[in-house]
Amino acid sequence: MNNPEQFLKTHIEKVVPLTDEEAIFIVSHFVLKTFQKGQFIIEEGNEVSDVYFVLSGLVKLVYEDKDAKKHIVSFAMEDWWETDFQAFYTGGKASLSLECIEDTIAYSLSLENFEKLCMEVHKMERFFLRKSIAGHIGSQTRILSFLTSNARERYEQLLLKNPALLQRVPKSSLASFLGVSRETLSRLF
């Protein structure tokens, strides 16, 4: 990652324009962090103090049910945001885990700094609102695909929307994300 500050600035400017002063102020509220493949950024049961903007790498958000079966809720790669949003916004304990599939570099933003940015740079409220709406749309689309589509159709939707994931995500994780067994996924390929 040659220039993480510029990467973040460019990402934000896809939604709202920034002056150089605003960009410097905004970036100063983020902390650059590196994580290793297999490392947990968030662990179920712990507090969630940050939201993460992925600069490079790939992470998965996982829910483990009462039978210890793991369900992949989402993936996040470069230019995407991820956290256990419920725990982040409410101050509660994580019900999800965020694990690195690849070595990952991300900016973290605390809730305190998130709120400070929204109060002091009002266009950041608009930026985060747009990101939240896009996330809600993505979640609703995913829920509807489970209600209305079979495994093959969900796989084809993923192939259309995020073909890069198919090259980067282990087949077992991909199967979990699609709600099928590893064997069923093999038949879909």
C-alpha atoms as a PDB file:
ATOM      1  CA  MET A   1       0.000   0.000   0.000  1.00  0.00           C
ATOM      2  CA  ASN A   2       1.884   3.028  -1.284  1.00  0.00           C
ATOM      3  CA  ASN A   3      -0.279   5.850   0.022  1.00  0.00           C
ATOM      4  CA  PRO A   4      -3.041   4.792   2.428  1.00  0.00           C
ATOM      5  CA  GLU A   5      -4.078   8.391   3.116  1.00  0.00           C
ATOM      6  CA  GLN A   6      -4.677   9.030  -0.580  1.00  0.00           C
ATOM      7  CA  PHE A   7      -6.568   5.736  -0.926  1.00  0.00           C
ATOM      8  CA  LEU A   8      -8.947   6.765   1.891  1.00  0.00           C
ATOM      9  CA  LYS A   9      -9.323  10.304   0.521  1.00  0.00           C
ATOM     10  CA  THR A  10     -10.134   8.973  -2.962  1.00  0.00           C
ATOM     11  CA  HIS A  11     -12.659   6.539  -1.466  1.00  0.00           C
ATOM     12  CA  ILE A  12     -14.462   9.310   0.420  1.00  0.00           C
ATOM     13  CA  GLU A  13     -14.376  11.636  -2.592  1.00  0.00           C
ATOM     14  CA  LYS A  14     -16.380   9.107  -4.605  1.00  0.00           C
ATOM     15  CA  VAL A  15     -19.274  10.318  -2.434  1.00  0.00           C
ATOM     16  CA  VAL A  16     -18.377  13.808  -1.180  1.00  0.00           C
ATOM     17  CA  PRO A  17     -15.712  16.341  -2.279  1.00  0.00           C
ATOM     18  CA  LEU A  18     -12.978  17.203   0.245  1.00  0.00           C
ATOM     19  CA  THR A  19     -10.620  20.098   0.571  1.00  0.00           C
ATOM     20  CA  ASP A  20      -7.002  19.213   1.356  1.00  0.00           C
ATOM     21  CA  GLU A  21      -7.515  20.513   4.914  1.00  0.00           C
ATOM     22  CA  GLU A  22     -10.621  18.369   5.414  1.00  0.00           C
ATOM     23  CA  ALA A  23      -8.824  15.300   4.092  1.00  0.00           C
ATOM     24  CA  ILE A  24      -5.903  15.810   6.492  1.00  0.00           C
ATOM     25  CA  PHE A  25      -8.311  16.311   9.406  1.00  0.00           C
ATOM     26  CA  ILE A  26     -10.370  13.230   8.489  1.00  0.00           C
ATOM     27  CA  VAL A  27      -7.395  10.916   7.997  1.00  0.00           C
ATOM     28  CA  SER A  28      -5.978  12.022  11.360  1.00  0.00           C
ATOM     29  CA  HIS A  29      -8.934  10.295  13.062  1.00  0.00           C
ATOM     30  CA  PHE A  30      -8.115   6.885  11.581  1.00  0.00           C
ATOM     31  CA  VAL A  31      -5.499   4.400  12.805  1.00  0.00           C
ATOM     32  CA  LEU A  32      -3.614   2.252  10.294  1.00  0.00           C
ATOM     33  CA  LYS A  33      -3.473  -1.405  11.376  1.00  0.00           C
ATOM     34  CA  THR A  34      -2.033  -4.603   9.925  1.00  0.00           C
ATOM     35  CA  PHE A  35      -3.374  -8.100  10.521  1.00  0.00           C
ATOM     36  CA  GLN A  36      -2.091 -11.544   9.586  1.00  0.00           C
ATOM     37  CA  LYS A  37      -3.989 -14.224   7.692  1.00  0.00           C
ATOM     38  CA  GLY A  38      -6.071 -16.175  10.221  1.00  0.00           C
ATOM     39  CA  GLN A  39      -6.019 -13.365  12.797  1.00  0.00           C
ATOM     40  CA  PHE A  40      -9.266 -12.250  14.392  1.00  0.00           C
ATOM     41  CA  ILE A  41      -9.888  -8.517  14.248  1.00  0.00           C
ATOM     42  CA  ILE A  42     -13.119  -8.931  16.220  1.00  0.00           C
ATOM     43  CA  GLU A  43     -13.984 -11.938  18.369  1.00  0.00           C
ATOM     44  CA  GLU A  44     -17.485 -12.927  19.428  1.00  0.00           C
ATOM     45  CA  GLY A  45     -18.173 -11.866  23.006  1.00  0.00           C
ATOM     46  CA  ASN A  46     -15.691  -8.990  23.022  1.00  0.00           C
ATOM     47  CA  GLU A  47     -16.378  -5.285  22.795  1.00  0.00           C
ATOM     48  CA  VAL A  48     -16.255  -3.727  19.333  1.00  0.00           C
ATOM     49  CA  SER A  49     -14.567  -0.360  19.457  1.00  0.00           C
ATOM     50  CA  ASP A  50     -13.886   0.219  15.754  1.00  0.00           C
ATOM     51  CA  VAL A  51     -15.215   0.031  12.239  1.00  0.00           C
ATOM     52  CA  TYR A  52     -12.640  -1.023   9.617  1.00  0.00           C
ATOM     53  CA  PHE A  53     -11.944   0.248   6.122  1.00  0.00           C
ATOM     54  CA  VAL A  54      -9.980  -2.378   4.200  1.00  0.00           C
ATOM     55  CA  LEU A  55      -7.026  -1.014   2.249  1.00  0.00           C
ATOM     56  CA  SER A  56      -5.658  -4.399   1.179  1.00  0.00           C
ATOM     57  CA  GLY A  57      -6.527  -7.968   1.990  1.00  0.00           C
ATOM     58  CA  LEU A  58      -9.718  -9.885   2.626  1.00  0.00           C
ATOM     59  CA  VAL A  59     -11.783 -10.546   5.762  1.00  0.00           C
ATOM     60  CA  LYS A  60     -14.896 -12.530   6.603  1.00  0.00           C
ATOM     61  CA  LEU A  61     -17.638 -11.739   9.114  1.00  0.00           C
ATOM     62  CA  VAL A  62     -18.782 -14.964  10.810  1.00  0.00           C
ATOM     63  CA  TYR A  63     -21.670 -15.947  13.073  1.00  0.00           C
ATOM     64  CA  GLU A  64     -21.337 -19.149  15.100  1.00  0.00           C
ATOM     65  CA  ASP A  65     -24.668 -20.711  16.085  1.00  0.00           C
ATOM     66  CA  LYS A  66     -25.479 -22.670  19.266  1.00  0.00           C
ATOM     67  CA  ASP A  67     -24.432 -25.914  17.531  1.00  0.00           C
ATOM     68  CA  ALA A  68     -20.996 -24.412  16.746  1.00  0.00           C
ATOM     69  CA  LYS A  69     -21.808 -24.212  13.046  1.00  0.00           C
ATOM     70  CA  LYS A  70     -20.181 -21.197  11.414  1.00  0.00           C
ATOM     71  CA  HIS A  71     -22.141 -19.025   9.003  1.00  0.00           C
ATOM     72  CA  ILE A  72     -20.383 -16.417   6.887  1.00  0.00           C
ATOM     73  CA  VAL A  73     -22.403 -13.216   6.908  1.00  0.00           C
ATOM     74  CA  SER A  74     -20.182 -11.238   4.551  1.00  0.00           C
ATOM     75  CA  PHE A  75     -16.763 -10.710   3.054  1.00  0.00           C
ATOM     76  CA  ALA A  76     -14.917  -7.405   2.811  1.00  0.00           C
ATOM     77  CA  MET A  77     -11.982  -6.660   0.550  1.00  0.00           C
ATOM     78  CA  GLU A  78     -10.243  -3.516  -0.665  1.00  0.00           C
ATOM     79  CA  ASP A  79     -12.377  -0.383  -0.570  1.00  0.00           C
ATOM     80  CA  TRP A  80     -15.026  -1.988   1.724  1.00  0.00           C
ATOM     81  CA  TRP A  81     -16.058  -1.276   5.328  1.00  0.00           C
ATOM     82  CA  GLU A  82     -16.756  -3.964   7.936  1.00  0.00           C
ATOM     83  CA  THR A  83     -17.434  -4.515  11.634  1.00  0.00           C
ATOM     84  CA  ASP A  84     -20.092  -6.010  13.884  1.00  0.00           C
ATOM     85  CA  PHE A  85     -22.227  -2.913  13.386  1.00  0.00           C
ATOM     86  CA  GLN A  86     -24.736  -3.683  16.141  1.00  0.00           C
ATOM     87  CA  ALA A  87     -22.000  -4.043  18.761  1.00  0.00           C
ATOM     88  CA  PHE A  88     -20.090  -1.038  17.379  1.00  0.00           C
ATOM     89  CA  TYR A  89     -23.048   1.349  17.542  1.00  0.00           C
ATOM     90  CA  THR A  90     -24.625   0.076  20.780  1.00  0.00           C
ATOM     91  CA  GLY A  91     -21.492  -0.615  22.811  1.00  0.00           C
ATOM     92  CA  GLY A  92     -22.624  -4.208  23.274  1.00  0.00           C
ATOM     93  CA  LYS A  93     -20.596  -7.387  22.932  1.00  0.00           C
ATOM     94  CA  ALA A  94     -19.868  -8.822  19.483  1.00  0.00           C
ATOM     95  CA  SER A  95     -22.180 -11.565  18.259  1.00  0.00           C
ATOM     96  CA  LEU A  96     -19.993 -11.899  15.155  1.00  0.00           C
ATOM     97  CA  SER A  97     -16.279 -12.481  14.549  1.00  0.00           C
ATOM     98  CA  LEU A  98     -14.185 -10.743  11.909  1.00  0.00           C
ATOM     99  CA  GLU A  99     -11.343 -12.935  10.636  1.00  0.00           C
ATOM    100  CA  CYS A 100      -8.625 -12.283   8.075  1.00  0.00           C
ATOM    101  CA  ILE A 101      -8.640 -14.628   5.074  1.00  0.00           C
ATOM    102  CA  GLU A 102      -5.521 -12.859   3.761  1.00  0.00           C
ATOM    103  CA  ASP A 103      -2.925 -10.590   5.323  1.00  0.00           C
ATOM    104  CA  THR A 104      -4.875  -7.358   5.704  1.00  0.00           C
ATOM    105  CA  ILE A 105      -4.129  -3.666   6.097  1.00  0.00           C
ATOM    106  CA  ALA A 106      -7.050  -1.576   7.301  1.00  0.00           C
ATOM    107  CA  TYR A 107      -7.861   1.771   8.770  1.00  0.00           C
ATOM    108  CA  SER A 108      -9.788   1.600  12.039  1.00  0.00           C
ATOM    109  CA  LEU A 109     -12.145   4.323  13.178  1.00  0.00           C
ATOM    110  CA  SER A 110     -13.444   4.448  16.746  1.00  0.00           C
ATOM    111  CA  LEU A 111     -17.059   5.342  17.500  1.00  0.00           C
ATOM    112  CA  GLU A 112     -15.839   8.477  19.266  1.00  0.00           C
ATOM    113  CA  ASN A 113     -13.893   9.585  16.180  1.00  0.00           C
ATOM    114  CA  PHE A 114     -16.761   8.547  13.899  1.00  0.00           C
ATOM    115  CA  GLU A 115     -19.117  10.829  15.833  1.00  0.00           C
ATOM    116  CA  LYS A 116     -16.527  13.613  15.975  1.00  0.00           C
ATOM    117  CA  LEU A 117     -16.056  13.513  12.197  1.00  0.00           C
ATOM    118  CA  CYS A 118     -19.810  13.619  11.634  1.00  0.00           C
ATOM    119  CA  MET A 119     -20.159  16.614  13.969  1.00  0.00           C
ATOM    120  CA  GLU A 120     -17.169  18.593  12.713  1.00  0.00           C
ATOM    121  CA  VAL A 121     -17.207  17.748   8.996  1.00  0.00           C
ATOM    122  CA  HIS A 122     -20.904  17.546   8.135  1.00  0.00           C
ATOM    123  CA  LYS A 123     -20.305  16.070   4.704  1.00  0.00           C
ATOM    124  CA  MET A 124     -18.956  12.974   6.491  1.00  0.00           C
ATOM    125  CA  GLU A 125     -22.496  12.366   7.787  1.00  0.00           C
ATOM    126  CA  ARG A 126     -23.635  12.224   4.175  1.00  0.00           C
ATOM    127  CA  PHE A 127     -20.714   9.928   3.312  1.00  0.00           C
ATOM    128  CA  PHE A 128     -21.460   7.485   6.141  1.00  0.00           C
ATOM    129  CA  LEU A 129     -25.197   7.630   5.407  1.00  0.00           C
ATOM    130  CA  ARG A 130     -24.529   6.618   1.790  1.00  0.00           C
ATOM    131  CA  LYS A 131     -22.274   3.775   2.965  1.00  0.00           C
ATOM    132  CA  SER A 132     -24.912   2.624   5.468  1.00  0.00           C
ATOM    133  CA  ILE A 133     -27.664   2.679   2.855  1.00  0.00           C
ATOM    134  CA  ALA A 134     -25.502   0.670   0.449  1.00  0.00           C
ATOM    135  CA  GLY A 135     -24.859  -1.831   3.250  1.00  0.00           C
ATOM    136  CA  HIS A 136     -28.570  -2.132   4.040  1.00  0.00           C
ATOM    137  CA  ILE A 137     -29.376  -2.679   0.373  1.00  0.00           C
ATOM    138  CA  GLY A 138     -26.674  -5.358   0.186  1.00  0.00           C
ATOM    139  CA  SER A 139     -28.036  -7.087   3.293  1.00  0.00           C
ATOM    140  CA  GLN A 140     -31.612  -7.022   2.012  1.00  0.00           C
ATOM    141  CA  THR A 141     -30.500  -8.357  -1.358  1.00  0.00           C
ATOM    142  CA  ARG A 142     -28.641 -11.200   0.369  1.00  0.00           C
ATOM    143  CA  ILE A 143     -31.648 -12.054   2.568  1.00  0.00           C
ATOM    144  CA  LEU A 144     -33.978 -12.040  -0.431  1.00  0.00           C
ATOM    145  CA  SER A 145     -31.605 -14.284  -2.375  1.00  0.00           C
ATOM    146  CA  PHE A 146     -31.824 -16.869   0.416  1.00  0.00           C
ATOM    147  CA  LEU A 147     -35.624 -16.621   0.410  1.00  0.00           C
ATOM    148  CA  THR A 148     -36.136 -16.729  -3.353  1.00  0.00           C
ATOM    149  CA  SER A 149     -33.107 -18.361  -5.007  1.00  0.00           C
ATOM    150  CA  ASN A 150     -31.649 -21.826  -5.076  1.00  0.00           C
ATOM    151  CA  ALA A 151     -27.960 -22.554  -4.502  1.00  0.00           C
ATOM    152  CA  ARG A 152     -27.037 -22.322  -8.181  1.00  0.00           C
ATOM    153  CA  GLU A 153     -28.798 -18.956  -8.552  1.00  0.00           C
ATOM    154  CA  ARG A 154     -27.031 -17.584  -5.439  1.00  0.00           C
ATOM    155  CA  TYR A 155     -23.698 -18.762  -6.859  1.00  0.00           C
ATOM    156  CA  GLU A 156     -24.437 -17.117 -10.228  1.00  0.00           C
ATOM    157  CA  GLN A 157     -25.437 -13.856  -8.470  1.00  0.00           C
ATOM    158  CA  LEU A 158     -22.143 -13.887  -6.585  1.00  0.00           C
ATOM    159  CA  LEU A 159     -20.269 -14.583  -9.806  1.00  0.00           C
ATOM    160  CA  LEU A 160     -21.926 -11.548 -11.438  1.00  0.00           C
ATOM    161  CA  LYS A 161     -21.551  -9.145  -8.507  1.00  0.00           C
ATOM    162  CA  ASN A 162     -18.177 -10.138  -7.058  1.00  0.00           C
ATOM    163  CA  PRO A 163     -16.216 -12.442  -9.359  1.00  0.00           C
ATOM    164  CA  ALA A 164     -12.941 -11.562  -7.576  1.00  0.00           C
ATOM    165  CA  LEU A 165     -14.209 -13.292  -4.441  1.00  0.00           C
ATOM    166  CA  LEU A 166     -14.339 -16.625  -6.238  1.00  0.00           C
ATOM    167  CA  GLN A 167     -10.585 -16.449  -6.853  1.00  0.00           C
ATOM    168  CA  ARG A 168      -9.663 -15.312  -3.342  1.00  0.00           C
ATOM    169  CA  VAL A 169     -12.026 -17.104  -0.959  1.00  0.00           C
ATOM    170  CA  PRO A 170     -11.426 -20.721   0.106  1.00  0.00           C
ATOM    171  CA  LYS A 171     -14.125 -23.060  -1.202  1.00  0.00           C
ATOM    172  CA  SER A 172     -15.284 -24.004   2.310  1.00  0.00           C
ATOM    173  CA  SER A 173     -15.853 -20.329   3.152  1.00  0.00           C
ATOM    174  CA  LEU A 174     -17.589 -19.735  -0.151  1.00  0.00           C
ATOM    175  CA  ALA A 175     -19.896 -22.698   0.523  1.00  0.00           C
ATOM    176  CA  SER A 176     -20.754 -21.320   3.963  1.00  0.00           C
ATOM    177  CA  PHE A 177     -21.499 -17.889   2.497  1.00  0.00           C
ATOM    178  CA  LEU A 178     -23.819 -19.432  -0.107  1.00  0.00           C
ATOM    179  CA  GLY A 179     -25.523 -21.641   2.486  1.00  0.00           C
ATOM    180  CA  VAL A 180     -24.494 -24.941   0.875  1.00  0.00           C
ATOM    181  CA  SER A 181     -22.170 -27.806   1.678  1.00  0.00           C
ATOM    182  CA  ARG A 182     -18.654 -27.944   0.223  1.00  0.00           C
ATOM    183  CA  GLU A 183     -19.790 -30.906  -1.912  1.00  0.00           C
ATOM    184  CA  THR A 184     -22.772 -28.985  -3.307  1.00  0.00           C
ATOM    185  CA  LEU A 185     -20.483 -26.088  -4.181  1.00  0.00           C
ATOM    186  CA  SER A 186     -18.153 -28.461  -6.042  1.00  0.00           C
ATOM    187  CA  ARG A 187     -21.099 -29.602  -8.169  1.00  0.00           C
ATOM    188  CA  LEU A 188     -21.944 -25.965  -8.998  1.00  0.00           C
ATOM    189  CA  PHE A 189     -18.480 -25.274 -10.433  1.00  0.00           C
END
